Protein backbone atom coordinates (compact mmCIF):
# COMPACT_ATOMS: atom_id res chain seq x y z
CA MET A 1 -3.19 -3.26 -8.95
CA CYS A 2 -2.45 0.33 -7.96
CA SER A 3 1.33 -0.16 -8.06
CA SER A 4 1.25 -1.10 -11.73
CA ASP A 5 -0.66 2.06 -12.73
CA LEU A 6 1.78 4.15 -10.71
CA ALA A 7 4.78 2.41 -12.24
CA PHE A 8 3.33 2.79 -15.75
CA ASN A 9 3.02 6.56 -15.35
CA ALA A 10 6.38 7.07 -13.62
CA VAL A 11 8.33 4.94 -16.09
CA PHE A 12 6.46 6.40 -19.09
CA SER A 13 7.44 10.00 -18.33
CA THR A 14 10.95 9.26 -17.01
CA THR A 15 12.00 7.13 -19.98
CA TYR A 16 10.90 9.92 -22.33
CA GLU A 17 13.27 12.34 -20.61
CA ILE A 18 16.14 9.84 -20.50
CA ASP A 19 15.80 9.28 -24.25
CA GLU A 20 15.63 13.05 -24.78
CA LYS A 21 19.03 13.45 -23.12
CA TYR A 22 20.89 10.30 -24.20
CA GLY A 23 19.18 9.12 -27.39
CA THR A 24 18.31 5.78 -25.82
CA ARG A 25 15.22 3.76 -26.75
CA TYR A 26 13.80 3.15 -23.28
CA HIS A 27 10.56 5.02 -23.99
CA GLU A 28 9.84 2.94 -27.09
CA ASN A 29 10.67 -0.20 -25.10
CA PHE A 30 8.19 0.78 -22.46
CA LYS A 31 5.42 1.73 -24.88
CA LYS A 32 5.73 -1.66 -26.62
CA PHE A 33 5.64 -3.43 -23.26
CA LEU A 34 2.58 -1.47 -22.15
CA THR A 35 0.78 -2.31 -25.38
CA PHE A 36 1.64 -5.99 -24.84
CA VAL A 37 0.23 -5.81 -21.31
CA GLN A 38 -2.97 -4.15 -22.45
CA ASP A 39 -3.49 -6.46 -25.45
CA ASN A 40 -3.12 -9.53 -23.24
CA ASP A 41 -4.97 -8.17 -20.18
CA LEU A 42 -2.03 -8.87 -17.87
CA THR A 43 -1.57 -7.97 -14.21
CA VAL A 44 1.73 -6.21 -13.43
CA ASP A 45 3.34 -5.57 -10.05
CA GLY A 46 5.31 -2.36 -9.52
CA ALA A 47 8.39 -3.34 -7.50
CA MET A 48 10.39 -0.56 -5.85
CA THR A 49 11.38 -1.27 -2.22
CA ASP A 50 14.83 -2.85 -1.82
CA PRO A 51 15.96 -4.46 1.47
CA LYS A 52 18.49 -1.56 1.79
CA GLY A 53 20.84 -3.25 4.29
CA ASP A 54 22.81 -0.55 6.14
CA ARG A 55 20.67 2.48 5.41
CA SER A 56 23.47 4.89 6.25
CA LYS A 57 25.31 3.69 3.12
CA ALA A 58 24.62 4.08 -0.60
CA PRO A 59 23.97 0.98 -2.74
CA SER A 60 27.59 0.84 -3.95
CA GLN A 61 28.85 0.99 -0.34
CA GLN A 62 26.89 -1.99 0.98
CA ALA A 63 28.80 -5.00 2.31
CA ASP A 64 26.40 -7.14 0.27
CA PRO A 65 25.69 -5.57 -3.14
CA ASP A 66 22.42 -7.53 -3.39
CA MET A 67 20.80 -5.24 -0.81
CA TYR A 68 19.73 -3.20 -3.85
CA VAL A 69 18.76 -4.68 -7.22
CA HIS A 70 21.71 -4.25 -9.56
CA VAL A 71 23.29 -5.29 -12.84
CA VAL A 72 25.92 -8.02 -12.47
CA GLU A 73 26.56 -8.60 -16.17
CA ARG A 74 25.95 -6.65 -19.37
CA ARG A 75 25.59 -8.56 -22.63
CA ALA A 76 24.94 -7.51 -26.21
CA ASP A 77 21.37 -8.81 -25.93
CA GLY A 78 20.54 -7.71 -22.37
CA ILE A 79 21.58 -7.63 -18.72
CA VAL A 80 21.75 -10.03 -15.78
CA VAL A 81 20.42 -8.75 -12.46
CA CYS A 82 20.54 -9.77 -8.80
CA GLY A 83 18.83 -8.49 -5.66
CA ALA A 84 15.38 -8.45 -4.11
CA LYS A 85 12.29 -6.33 -3.52
CA CYS A 86 10.42 -6.38 -0.19
CA HIS A 87 6.76 -5.92 0.79
CA GLN A 88 5.46 -6.73 -2.69
CA THR A 89 1.67 -6.63 -2.39
CA GLY A 90 -0.04 -8.71 -5.06
CA SER A 91 3.21 -9.98 -6.55
CA ILE A 92 2.15 -13.62 -6.38
CA ASN A 93 -0.93 -13.01 -8.53
CA SER A 94 0.91 -10.86 -11.10
CA HIS A 95 1.95 -12.01 -14.55
CA TRP A 96 4.85 -9.54 -14.80
CA HIS A 97 6.85 -7.19 -12.59
CA ILE A 98 8.29 -3.75 -13.31
CA PHE A 99 11.40 -3.17 -11.21
CA MET A 100 12.50 0.38 -10.36
CA PRO A 101 15.18 2.00 -8.17
CA THR A 102 14.16 2.84 -4.62
CA ILE A 103 16.36 5.90 -3.94
CA SER A 104 18.25 8.67 -5.73
CA MET A 105 21.73 7.57 -6.77
CA GLY A 106 25.18 8.93 -7.53
CA GLU A 107 27.69 8.04 -10.22
CA ALA A 108 29.20 5.26 -8.10
CA ASP A 109 25.75 3.60 -8.04
CA LYS A 110 25.39 3.26 -11.82
CA ASP A 111 24.99 -0.52 -11.68
CA TRP A 112 22.10 -0.09 -9.24
CA ALA A 113 20.35 2.52 -11.41
CA VAL A 114 18.26 0.01 -13.31
CA SER A 115 14.61 -0.44 -14.29
CA PHE A 116 13.11 -3.27 -16.32
CA ALA A 117 10.14 -5.58 -16.82
CA CYS A 118 10.35 -9.27 -16.00
CA PRO A 119 7.83 -12.13 -16.24
CA THR A 120 6.95 -13.65 -12.88
CA ASP A 121 8.00 -17.14 -14.04
CA ALA A 122 11.44 -16.02 -15.25
CA GLU A 123 14.29 -18.40 -14.47
CA GLY A 124 16.02 -17.27 -11.27
CA MET A 125 13.08 -15.24 -9.96
CA TYR A 126 11.23 -16.57 -6.92
CA MET A 127 9.12 -15.34 -4.02
CA ILE A 128 8.94 -15.96 -0.29
CA TYR A 129 5.45 -15.44 1.12
CA GLY A 130 5.07 -13.05 4.07
CA ARG A 131 3.16 -13.70 7.29
CA GLN A 132 0.08 -11.78 8.43
CA SER A 133 -1.67 -11.47 11.76
CA CYS A 134 -4.26 -14.26 12.23
CA ASP A 135 -3.30 -15.77 8.86
CA THR A 136 -3.64 -19.41 9.98
CA ARG A 137 -7.37 -18.89 10.52
CA LYS A 138 -7.64 -19.24 6.75
CA LEU A 139 -6.48 -22.85 7.15
CA GLU A 140 -8.95 -23.80 9.87
CA GLU A 141 -12.12 -25.77 9.20
CA ASP A 142 -15.48 -24.14 9.94
CA ALA A 143 -13.85 -20.70 10.29
CA SER A 144 -15.44 -18.57 7.57
CA ILE A 145 -16.76 -16.16 10.23
CA ASP A 146 -13.56 -16.13 12.30
CA VAL A 147 -11.52 -15.18 9.21
CA GLY A 148 -13.37 -11.85 9.29
CA ASN A 149 -13.42 -11.37 5.53
CA ALA A 150 -13.84 -14.63 3.67
CA LYS A 151 -14.36 -12.91 0.30
CA PHE A 152 -11.25 -10.77 -0.09
CA GLY A 153 -7.66 -10.67 1.10
CA GLY A 154 -4.16 -9.69 0.15
CA GLN A 155 -0.61 -10.90 0.42
CA GLU A 156 2.92 -9.60 0.43
CA ALA A 157 6.10 -11.35 -0.61
CA LEU A 158 9.85 -11.00 -0.84
CA VAL A 159 10.66 -11.12 -4.57
CA VAL A 160 14.18 -12.42 -5.24
CA LEU A 161 16.21 -12.03 -8.43
CA ASP A 162 18.98 -14.63 -8.62
CA HIS A 163 20.97 -13.88 -11.77
CA VAL A 164 17.91 -13.18 -13.90
CA PHE A 165 18.47 -12.33 -17.57
CA ILE A 166 16.58 -9.28 -18.89
CA PRO A 167 16.46 -8.83 -22.71
CA ASN A 168 17.19 -5.36 -24.08
CA GLU A 169 13.57 -4.76 -25.11
CA TYR A 170 12.43 -4.89 -21.48
CA ILE A 171 15.06 -2.46 -20.11
CA PHE A 172 13.88 1.07 -19.15
CA LEU A 173 16.92 2.40 -17.24
CA ASN A 174 20.46 1.07 -17.31
CA GLY A 175 23.10 3.18 -15.63
CA GLU A 176 21.65 6.66 -16.15
CA TYR A 177 21.91 7.25 -12.43
CA GLU A 178 20.75 10.88 -12.45
CA PHE A 179 17.26 9.73 -13.51
CA ALA A 180 16.84 7.22 -10.69
CA GLY A 181 15.62 9.94 -8.35
CA MET A 182 13.12 11.23 -10.92
CA MET A 183 11.58 7.79 -11.35
CA VAL A 184 11.41 7.25 -7.59
CA GLU A 185 9.92 10.68 -6.92
CA ARG A 186 7.27 10.33 -9.59
CA PHE A 187 6.27 6.81 -8.59
CA ALA A 188 6.13 7.81 -4.92
CA GLY A 189 3.99 10.84 -5.76
CA TYR A 190 1.44 8.74 -7.64
CA HIS A 191 1.49 6.15 -4.86
CA ARG A 192 0.90 8.74 -2.15
CA GLN A 193 -1.96 10.18 -4.18
CA SER A 194 -3.53 6.73 -4.57
CA TYR A 195 -3.75 6.31 -0.80
CA GLY A 196 -6.32 9.10 -0.82
CA GLY A 197 -8.55 6.58 -2.56
CA CYS A 198 -7.75 3.03 -1.49
CA LYS A 199 -7.38 3.71 2.24
CA VAL A 200 -10.53 5.82 2.15
CA GLY A 201 -12.43 2.89 0.65
CA VAL A 202 -11.29 0.65 3.48
CA GLY A 203 -12.20 3.41 5.93
CA ASP A 204 -15.71 3.56 4.50
CA THR A 205 -16.25 -0.14 5.17
CA LEU A 206 -14.85 0.15 8.69
CA ILE A 207 -17.10 3.12 9.46
CA GLY A 208 -20.05 1.12 8.19
CA ALA A 209 -19.04 -1.86 10.32
CA ALA A 210 -18.71 0.32 13.42
CA ALA A 211 -22.15 1.82 12.78
CA LEU A 212 -23.63 -1.67 12.44
CA ALA A 213 -21.93 -2.81 15.65
CA ALA A 214 -23.48 0.15 17.46
CA GLU A 215 -26.88 -0.64 15.94
CA TYR A 216 -26.64 -4.32 16.89
CA ASN A 217 -25.72 -3.31 20.45
CA GLY A 218 -28.68 -0.92 20.62
CA VAL A 219 -26.60 2.21 21.15
CA GLU A 220 -26.80 3.82 17.70
CA LYS A 221 -28.83 6.75 19.05
CA ALA A 222 -26.40 7.60 21.86
CA SER A 223 -24.90 11.05 21.28
CA ALA A 224 -21.38 9.85 22.11
CA VAL A 225 -21.59 7.10 19.47
CA LYS A 226 -22.98 9.52 16.88
CA ASP A 227 -20.14 11.93 17.56
CA LYS A 228 -17.51 9.20 17.13
CA LEU A 229 -19.01 8.17 13.80
CA ILE A 230 -19.05 11.79 12.64
CA GLU A 231 -15.38 12.12 13.54
CA MET A 232 -14.55 8.94 11.61
CA ILE A 233 -16.35 10.26 8.54
CA HIS A 234 -14.65 13.66 8.86
CA LEU A 235 -11.18 12.08 9.00
CA ASN A 236 -11.88 9.70 6.15
CA GLU A 237 -13.31 12.35 3.83
CA THR A 238 -10.38 14.65 4.61
CA LEU A 239 -8.10 11.98 3.16
CA TYR A 240 -10.30 11.76 0.09
CA CYS A 241 -10.17 15.55 -0.33
CA CYS A 242 -6.36 15.40 -0.42
CA GLY A 243 -6.39 12.66 -3.05
CA ILE A 244 -8.78 14.63 -5.23
CA ALA A 245 -6.84 17.87 -4.73
CA CYS A 246 -3.43 16.55 -5.80
CA SER A 247 -5.03 14.90 -8.83
CA SER A 248 -6.91 17.99 -9.96
CA GLN A 249 -3.78 20.14 -9.58
CA GLY A 250 -1.68 17.84 -11.75
CA PHE A 251 0.32 18.94 -14.80
CA ARG A 252 1.23 17.54 -18.20
CA THR A 253 4.72 16.02 -18.48
CA LYS A 254 6.98 16.20 -21.52
CA ALA A 255 5.90 12.67 -22.40
CA GLY A 256 2.24 13.70 -22.48
CA ASN A 257 0.86 11.93 -19.44
CA TYR A 258 -0.08 13.78 -16.25
CA GLN A 259 1.88 14.10 -13.03
CA ILE A 260 0.01 14.80 -9.81
CA ASP A 261 0.86 17.80 -7.60
CA LEU A 262 3.74 16.43 -5.53
CA LEU A 263 3.26 18.72 -2.54
CA LEU A 264 -0.42 17.84 -2.13
CA ALA A 265 0.26 14.14 -2.76
CA ASN A 266 2.75 14.11 0.11
CA VAL A 267 0.32 16.01 2.34
CA CYS A 268 -2.26 13.35 1.45
CA LYS A 269 0.05 10.49 2.45
CA GLN A 270 1.22 12.27 5.61
CA ASN A 271 -2.41 12.39 6.74
CA VAL A 272 -2.81 8.72 5.81
CA THR A 273 -0.02 7.85 8.27
CA ARG A 274 -2.24 9.23 11.06
CA PHE A 275 -5.97 9.26 10.36
CA PRO A 276 -6.60 5.51 9.82
CA TYR A 277 -5.11 4.84 13.26
CA GLU A 278 -7.62 7.20 14.84
CA ILE A 279 -10.44 5.71 12.79
CA VAL A 280 -9.41 2.26 14.02
CA ARG A 281 -9.30 3.49 17.62
CA LEU A 282 -12.80 4.89 17.35
CA ALA A 283 -14.09 1.71 15.69
CA GLU A 284 -12.70 -0.39 18.54
CA ASP A 285 -14.21 2.05 21.02
CA ILE A 286 -17.68 1.69 19.47
CA ALA A 287 -17.49 -2.07 18.90
CA GLY A 288 -16.41 -2.94 22.44
CA GLY A 289 -14.12 -5.55 23.97
CA LEU A 290 -15.93 -8.48 22.38
CA VAL A 291 -13.91 -7.78 19.23
CA VAL A 292 -10.96 -9.51 20.92
CA THR A 293 -12.60 -11.80 23.50
CA MET A 294 -15.39 -13.51 21.53
CA PRO A 295 -15.28 -17.32 21.44
CA SER A 296 -14.52 -19.05 18.17
CA GLN A 297 -16.98 -19.98 15.47
CA LYS A 298 -16.52 -23.63 16.46
CA ASP A 299 -17.65 -22.81 19.99
CA PHE A 300 -20.84 -21.21 18.70
CA HIS A 301 -21.53 -24.39 16.70
CA SER A 302 -20.33 -26.86 19.35
CA ASP A 303 -22.70 -29.63 20.48
CA THR A 304 -20.54 -30.54 23.46
CA VAL A 305 -22.80 -30.74 26.53
CA VAL A 306 -21.59 -28.78 29.57
CA GLY A 307 -24.70 -27.34 31.25
CA ARG A 308 -26.59 -28.90 34.18
CA ASN A 309 -29.69 -29.10 32.04
CA GLY A 310 -27.91 -30.50 29.01
CA GLU A 311 -27.00 -27.17 27.37
CA THR A 312 -24.26 -27.33 24.75
CA ILE A 313 -21.36 -24.90 24.44
CA GLY A 314 -23.01 -23.60 21.28
CA GLU A 315 -26.28 -22.93 23.03
CA ILE A 316 -24.54 -21.16 25.90
CA CYS A 317 -22.54 -18.95 23.52
CA ASN A 318 -25.66 -18.02 21.59
CA LYS A 319 -27.49 -17.31 24.86
CA PHE A 320 -24.94 -14.99 26.43
CA PHE A 321 -23.85 -13.20 23.27
CA ALA A 322 -27.37 -12.43 22.11
CA THR A 323 -28.19 -8.78 21.58
CA ARG A 324 -31.20 -6.68 20.63
CA GLU A 325 -34.33 -8.26 19.24
CA GLY A 326 -34.21 -8.86 15.51
CA VAL A 327 -30.42 -9.25 15.34
CA SER A 328 -29.03 -12.77 15.17
CA THR A 329 -26.01 -13.76 17.21
CA GLU A 330 -24.31 -14.84 14.01
CA ASP A 331 -24.72 -11.40 12.43
CA ARG A 332 -23.15 -9.87 15.52
CA GLN A 333 -20.29 -12.36 15.27
CA ARG A 334 -19.75 -11.53 11.63
CA ILE A 335 -19.54 -7.77 12.05
CA LEU A 336 -17.25 -7.98 15.08
CA ARG A 337 -14.91 -10.40 13.31
CA PHE A 338 -14.87 -8.09 10.32
CA ILE A 339 -13.87 -5.18 12.55
CA GLU A 340 -11.18 -7.35 14.13
CA ASN A 341 -9.93 -8.30 10.66
CA LEU A 342 -9.53 -4.66 9.62
CA CYS A 343 -8.16 -3.33 12.92
CA LEU A 344 -6.03 -6.21 14.20
CA GLY A 345 -6.14 -9.16 11.81
CA ALA A 346 -4.89 -9.99 8.34
CA ALA A 347 -6.40 -6.88 6.72
CA ALA A 348 -4.67 -4.61 9.25
CA VAL A 349 -1.54 -5.15 7.16
CA GLY A 350 -3.14 -3.11 4.39
CA TYR A 351 -5.03 -0.61 6.52
CA ARG A 352 -2.79 0.16 9.48
CA THR A 353 0.87 -0.68 8.87
CA GLU A 354 0.66 -0.08 5.14
CA SER A 355 -0.88 3.34 5.84
CA MET A 356 2.20 4.10 7.91
CA HIS A 357 4.97 2.66 5.72
CA GLY A 358 3.45 2.03 2.28
CA ALA A 359 4.49 4.57 -0.38
CA GLY A 360 7.21 5.71 2.00
CA SER A 361 7.38 6.13 5.76
CA PRO A 362 6.22 9.44 7.34
CA GLN A 363 9.61 11.15 7.26
CA ALA A 364 9.84 10.61 3.50
CA GLN A 365 6.73 12.75 3.05
CA ARG A 366 8.02 15.41 5.39
CA ILE A 367 11.23 15.66 3.36
CA MET A 368 9.21 16.12 0.18
CA ILE A 369 6.89 18.64 1.84
CA ALA A 370 9.98 20.64 2.86
CA ARG A 371 11.27 20.54 -0.73
CA GLN A 372 7.96 21.39 -2.36
CA GLY A 373 6.59 23.81 0.23
CA ASN A 374 8.22 26.94 -1.26
CA LEU A 375 8.94 28.47 2.12
CA GLN A 376 10.88 31.36 0.58
CA ALA A 377 7.81 32.54 -1.33
CA LYS A 378 5.76 32.40 1.86
CA LYS A 379 8.36 34.47 3.70
CA GLN A 380 8.37 37.02 0.88
CA MET A 381 4.57 37.38 1.04
CA ALA A 382 4.79 37.97 4.78
CA LYS A 383 7.49 40.63 4.25
CA GLU A 384 5.41 42.47 1.66
CA ILE A 385 2.32 42.56 3.82
CA ALA A 386 4.31 43.58 6.91
CA GLY A 387 6.11 46.33 4.99
CA ILE A 388 9.59 44.85 5.35
CA GLN A 389 11.79 46.16 2.54
CA ASN A 390 15.01 44.13 2.77
């Protein structure tokens, strides 16, 4: 999963710098854990987002301290932690989790400045499965078409830590609060870069589906349809350009791995909060209203007689939803349900809302763009060219 790769890189470089300052052994802990993961071909979830409670208050100021994952007991052989992580994509199919702070912290938040690895079946750790739009279609009989994408899917969960013991060898941050922000910033940068790849891949499939819908409807040669598809491609490839740019402009950290260009990564994610929504709008425009009004798969297969001449519901559906010659009604059903799945259904979690809030909501990127944008240097260049001396 992408979150594990991002967590691996962020924790790898941050632990090196913590050890450099404090003489701790977090970096060695992490390297041993990573080797264990690789040797055993394990899937790891990167868990960062806390519930946060009252967002105007720091972790140590919350009425309920569990709103952020924190240490409740320190022992000679490890720590005991409580709290939860929200929106954890892929957590249920992960063997282990890496937990990280979700915000920068002050000295009063030392108990909340914690990072560690934990097996998914650890005593006291459990998950509550999240809902998705149209998710009960997966439980219906004879609904493989109505599901929209019967091959692939995703899930999110609330991951709860109820007095979970973490041995010392799996601890990567424990009270060094000034490094919480570094770990968050680096993880978020990698995550925002990754959206220039994963969301673009989804966009490619949606563009292809929209093009097929136009072809099945017999309008693929219409100039207006062509122009919409061109715009979809332009937006999607712009996102990919940003992902490539922030990767190619990366730099080597003290630990030896590479950190992406943070400014360009945040520009990439800022665009991701916008462009997929326009791509979805154009896909719905091309596909037409049948995306949301088409009868169910059961209706297309129904042998219930309703017509004056003995026609079944299935026959009537296949009659009135037929399209151009050479295209089956079922193929039209399949592509429209797939578009619905990506734009409005279960997969819209990952393509729409996740594009908005995953890896940080839009304002988080704008804050980072302001920090990384080097406005003073830009002002100085303007002064020099304009001949302003002071």
